[in-house]
Amino acid sequence: MVSQKVTIKNPTGLHLRPAGILCQEAMNFKSLITFHYRGNTANAKSVLSVLGACIKSGDEIELVCEGEDEEEALDFLIKLIDEGLDK
């Protein structure tokens, strides 16, 4: 298991479009990918779970990856979040 804290840089937080991008990219990995925010855990592969976390711009989450491609998944998703989740 690997984890790292990251600050959400998207100006609108994790609303539908960036949440969809995060989930779509997370689903490309075999690892279990979750994040912790304010004492709650959300499944990064579920748009409803991500939206339910109500994450705003500037909020810090702890991304957690567990599985055979955990290092690759964590590195990729941290970079994606740092770039603002804009495609």
N, C-alpha and C. Protein backbone atom coordinates (compact mmCIF):
# COMPACT_ATOMS: atom_id res chain seq x y z
N MET A 1 0.85 -1.19 0.00
CA MET A 1 0.00 0.00 0.00
C MET A 1 0.89 1.24 0.00
N VAL A 2 0.53 2.18 -0.85
CA VAL A 2 1.24 3.47 -0.91
C VAL A 2 0.21 4.58 -0.83
N SER A 3 0.62 5.69 -0.25
CA SER A 3 -0.30 6.83 -0.16
C SER A 3 0.47 8.13 -0.20
N GLN A 4 -0.23 9.18 -0.56
CA GLN A 4 0.38 10.51 -0.60
C GLN A 4 -0.73 11.55 -0.53
N LYS A 5 -0.45 12.64 0.15
CA LYS A 5 -1.40 13.74 0.22
C LYS A 5 -1.21 14.64 -1.00
N VAL A 6 -2.33 15.16 -1.49
CA VAL A 6 -2.29 16.03 -2.66
C VAL A 6 -3.39 17.08 -2.50
N THR A 7 -3.10 18.28 -2.98
CA THR A 7 -4.07 19.37 -2.93
C THR A 7 -4.78 19.48 -4.27
N ILE A 8 -6.11 19.59 -4.23
CA ILE A 8 -6.91 19.71 -5.45
C ILE A 8 -6.71 21.10 -6.03
N LYS A 9 -6.24 21.16 -7.27
CA LYS A 9 -5.92 22.44 -7.91
C LYS A 9 -6.99 22.90 -8.90
N ASN A 10 -7.89 22.01 -9.29
CA ASN A 10 -8.94 22.40 -10.22
C ASN A 10 -9.77 23.51 -9.58
N PRO A 11 -9.97 24.64 -10.26
CA PRO A 11 -10.66 25.79 -9.67
C PRO A 11 -12.07 25.49 -9.16
N THR A 12 -12.72 24.48 -9.72
CA THR A 12 -14.08 24.15 -9.28
C THR A 12 -14.12 22.92 -8.39
N GLY A 13 -12.96 22.43 -7.96
CA GLY A 13 -12.93 21.24 -7.12
C GLY A 13 -13.23 19.98 -7.93
N LEU A 14 -13.71 18.95 -7.25
CA LEU A 14 -14.02 17.71 -7.94
C LEU A 14 -15.51 17.64 -8.27
N HIS A 15 -15.95 18.52 -9.17
CA HIS A 15 -17.33 18.47 -9.65
C HIS A 15 -17.41 17.38 -10.73
N LEU A 16 -18.49 17.30 -11.45
CA LEU A 16 -18.74 16.16 -12.33
C LEU A 16 -17.64 15.89 -13.36
N ARG A 17 -17.22 16.90 -14.10
CA ARG A 17 -16.24 16.65 -15.16
C ARG A 17 -14.89 16.17 -14.62
N PRO A 18 -14.25 16.91 -13.67
CA PRO A 18 -12.98 16.40 -13.16
C PRO A 18 -13.12 15.09 -12.39
N ALA A 19 -14.24 14.90 -11.71
CA ALA A 19 -14.47 13.63 -11.00
C ALA A 19 -14.54 12.49 -12.02
N GLY A 20 -15.19 12.73 -13.14
CA GLY A 20 -15.27 11.73 -14.20
C GLY A 20 -13.91 11.39 -14.78
N ILE A 21 -13.10 12.41 -14.97
CA ILE A 21 -11.74 12.19 -15.49
C ILE A 21 -10.93 11.36 -14.49
N LEU A 22 -11.00 11.72 -13.21
CA LEU A 22 -10.27 10.99 -12.17
C LEU A 22 -10.70 9.52 -12.15
N CYS A 23 -12.00 9.28 -12.16
CA CYS A 23 -12.52 7.91 -12.11
C CYS A 23 -12.13 7.12 -13.35
N GLN A 24 -12.26 7.74 -14.51
CA GLN A 24 -11.92 7.07 -15.77
C GLN A 24 -10.46 6.62 -15.76
N GLU A 25 -9.58 7.50 -15.32
CA GLU A 25 -8.15 7.17 -15.29
C GLU A 25 -7.85 6.14 -14.20
N ALA A 26 -8.52 6.24 -13.05
CA ALA A 26 -8.29 5.29 -11.96
C ALA A 26 -8.70 3.87 -12.37
N MET A 27 -9.74 3.76 -13.20
CA MET A 27 -10.22 2.45 -13.64
C MET A 27 -9.23 1.73 -14.55
N ASN A 28 -8.23 2.44 -15.06
CA ASN A 28 -7.22 1.82 -15.91
C ASN A 28 -6.21 1.01 -15.10
N PHE A 29 -6.27 1.12 -13.77
CA PHE A 29 -5.33 0.40 -12.91
C PHE A 29 -6.03 -0.74 -12.19
N LYS A 30 -5.29 -1.80 -11.91
CA LYS A 30 -5.85 -2.97 -11.22
C LYS A 30 -5.96 -2.74 -9.71
N SER A 31 -5.15 -1.85 -9.18
CA SER A 31 -5.12 -1.60 -7.75
C SER A 31 -6.43 -1.02 -7.23
N LEU A 32 -6.68 -1.25 -5.95
CA LEU A 32 -7.77 -0.58 -5.25
C LEU A 32 -7.30 0.85 -5.01
N ILE A 33 -8.09 1.82 -5.43
CA ILE A 33 -7.69 3.23 -5.30
C ILE A 33 -8.78 3.97 -4.54
N THR A 34 -8.40 4.51 -3.40
CA THR A 34 -9.33 5.27 -2.56
C THR A 34 -8.66 6.57 -2.16
N PHE A 35 -9.44 7.45 -1.55
CA PHE A 35 -8.83 8.62 -0.93
C PHE A 35 -9.57 8.95 0.35
N HIS A 36 -8.82 9.55 1.25
CA HIS A 36 -9.36 9.95 2.55
C HIS A 36 -9.51 11.47 2.57
N TYR A 37 -10.65 11.91 3.09
CA TYR A 37 -10.92 13.34 3.19
C TYR A 37 -11.86 13.57 4.37
N ARG A 38 -11.42 14.36 5.31
CA ARG A 38 -12.20 14.69 6.51
C ARG A 38 -12.78 13.46 7.21
N GLY A 39 -11.94 12.45 7.37
CA GLY A 39 -12.36 11.26 8.10
C GLY A 39 -13.18 10.26 7.30
N ASN A 40 -13.46 10.55 6.05
CA ASN A 40 -14.23 9.66 5.20
C ASN A 40 -13.34 9.05 4.13
N THR A 41 -13.74 7.91 3.62
CA THR A 41 -13.02 7.24 2.55
C THR A 41 -13.91 7.16 1.33
N ALA A 42 -13.36 7.50 0.17
CA ALA A 42 -14.11 7.45 -1.08
C ALA A 42 -13.39 6.55 -2.07
N ASN A 43 -14.16 5.85 -2.89
CA ASN A 43 -13.62 5.00 -3.94
C ASN A 43 -13.33 5.87 -5.15
N ALA A 44 -12.07 5.96 -5.54
CA ALA A 44 -11.68 6.83 -6.66
C ALA A 44 -12.14 6.29 -8.00
N LYS A 45 -12.67 5.08 -8.03
CA LYS A 45 -13.18 4.50 -9.28
C LYS A 45 -14.69 4.68 -9.42
N SER A 46 -15.31 5.37 -8.47
CA SER A 46 -16.76 5.59 -8.49
C SER A 46 -17.07 7.08 -8.53
N VAL A 47 -17.70 7.53 -9.60
CA VAL A 47 -18.03 8.95 -9.74
C VAL A 47 -18.93 9.40 -8.59
N LEU A 48 -19.91 8.59 -8.22
CA LEU A 48 -20.81 8.96 -7.12
C LEU A 48 -20.06 9.09 -5.80
N SER A 49 -19.11 8.21 -5.57
CA SER A 49 -18.33 8.26 -4.34
C SER A 49 -17.47 9.52 -4.30
N VAL A 50 -16.85 9.85 -5.44
CA VAL A 50 -16.01 11.06 -5.53
C VAL A 50 -16.87 12.31 -5.36
N LEU A 51 -17.99 12.38 -6.05
CA LEU A 51 -18.87 13.55 -5.94
C LEU A 51 -19.42 13.69 -4.52
N GLY A 52 -19.71 12.57 -3.88
CA GLY A 52 -20.25 12.58 -2.52
C GLY A 52 -19.29 13.12 -1.49
N ALA A 53 -18.00 13.14 -1.81
CA ALA A 53 -17.01 13.66 -0.88
C ALA A 53 -17.02 15.19 -0.82
N CYS A 54 -17.65 15.84 -1.80
CA CYS A 54 -17.79 17.31 -1.84
C CYS A 54 -16.45 18.03 -1.68
N ILE A 55 -15.51 17.71 -2.53
CA ILE A 55 -14.17 18.28 -2.45
C ILE A 55 -14.08 19.56 -3.26
N LYS A 56 -13.60 20.60 -2.63
CA LYS A 56 -13.48 21.92 -3.24
C LYS A 56 -12.02 22.18 -3.63
N SER A 57 -11.83 23.20 -4.43
CA SER A 57 -10.48 23.62 -4.80
C SER A 57 -9.71 24.02 -3.55
N GLY A 58 -8.48 23.55 -3.46
CA GLY A 58 -7.63 23.86 -2.31
C GLY A 58 -7.71 22.83 -1.19
N ASP A 59 -8.69 21.92 -1.26
CA ASP A 59 -8.80 20.86 -0.25
C ASP A 59 -7.67 19.85 -0.44
N GLU A 60 -7.23 19.26 0.66
CA GLU A 60 -6.18 18.24 0.61
C GLU A 60 -6.80 16.87 0.85
N ILE A 61 -6.47 15.93 -0.03
CA ILE A 61 -6.92 14.55 0.14
C ILE A 61 -5.69 13.66 0.26
N GLU A 62 -5.88 12.49 0.84
CA GLU A 62 -4.80 11.50 0.86
C GLU A 62 -5.20 10.37 -0.07
N LEU A 63 -4.48 10.25 -1.16
CA LEU A 63 -4.74 9.22 -2.16
C LEU A 63 -4.05 7.94 -1.72
N VAL A 64 -4.77 6.81 -1.75
CA VAL A 64 -4.24 5.52 -1.29
C VAL A 64 -4.43 4.49 -2.40
N CYS A 65 -3.33 3.81 -2.76
CA CYS A 65 -3.37 2.78 -3.79
C CYS A 65 -2.84 1.48 -3.20
N GLU A 66 -3.55 0.39 -3.47
CA GLU A 66 -3.15 -0.90 -2.94
C GLU A 66 -3.38 -1.97 -3.99
N GLY A 67 -2.27 -2.60 -4.42
CA GLY A 67 -2.37 -3.66 -5.43
C GLY A 67 -1.09 -3.77 -6.24
N GLU A 68 -1.18 -4.56 -7.29
CA GLU A 68 0.03 -4.89 -8.06
C GLU A 68 0.63 -3.71 -8.82
N ASP A 69 -0.17 -2.72 -9.19
CA ASP A 69 0.36 -1.56 -9.91
C ASP A 69 0.21 -0.28 -9.08
N GLU A 70 0.29 -0.42 -7.75
CA GLU A 70 0.02 0.70 -6.84
C GLU A 70 0.95 1.89 -7.04
N GLU A 71 2.24 1.63 -7.22
CA GLU A 71 3.21 2.74 -7.39
C GLU A 71 2.90 3.53 -8.66
N GLU A 72 2.68 2.82 -9.74
CA GLU A 72 2.38 3.45 -11.02
C GLU A 72 1.07 4.24 -10.93
N ALA A 73 0.06 3.64 -10.30
CA ALA A 73 -1.24 4.30 -10.15
C ALA A 73 -1.11 5.59 -9.34
N LEU A 74 -0.41 5.52 -8.21
CA LEU A 74 -0.25 6.70 -7.36
C LEU A 74 0.47 7.81 -8.11
N ASP A 75 1.58 7.49 -8.74
CA ASP A 75 2.35 8.50 -9.47
C ASP A 75 1.50 9.16 -10.56
N PHE A 76 0.78 8.35 -11.32
CA PHE A 76 -0.02 8.86 -12.42
C PHE A 76 -1.14 9.77 -11.91
N LEU A 77 -1.87 9.31 -10.90
CA LEU A 77 -3.01 10.08 -10.41
C LEU A 77 -2.59 11.36 -9.69
N ILE A 78 -1.46 11.32 -8.99
CA ILE A 78 -0.95 12.55 -8.35
C ILE A 78 -0.62 13.57 -9.43
N LYS A 79 0.04 13.12 -10.49
CA LYS A 79 0.39 14.04 -11.59
C LYS A 79 -0.88 14.60 -12.24
N LEU A 80 -1.88 13.75 -12.45
CA LEU A 80 -3.15 14.17 -13.05
C LEU A 80 -3.83 15.24 -12.19
N ILE A 81 -3.86 15.02 -10.89
CA ILE A 81 -4.48 15.99 -9.98
C ILE A 81 -3.69 17.28 -9.95
N ASP A 82 -2.36 17.18 -9.91
CA ASP A 82 -1.50 18.36 -9.91
C ASP A 82 -1.68 19.21 -11.17
N GLU A 83 -2.00 18.54 -12.28
CA GLU A 83 -2.20 19.26 -13.55
C GLU A 83 -3.61 19.86 -13.65
N GLY A 84 -4.45 19.60 -12.66
CA GLY A 84 -5.76 20.24 -12.62
C GLY A 84 -6.92 19.44 -13.17
N LEU A 85 -6.67 18.19 -13.56
CA LEU A 85 -7.73 17.31 -14.09
C LEU A 85 -8.43 17.92 -15.30
N ASP A 86 -7.69 18.61 -16.14
CA ASP A 86 -8.25 19.21 -17.36
C ASP A 86 -7.78 18.44 -18.56
N LYS A 87 -8.73 17.92 -19.33
CA LYS A 87 -8.38 17.23 -20.58
C LYS A 87 -9.13 17.85 -21.71
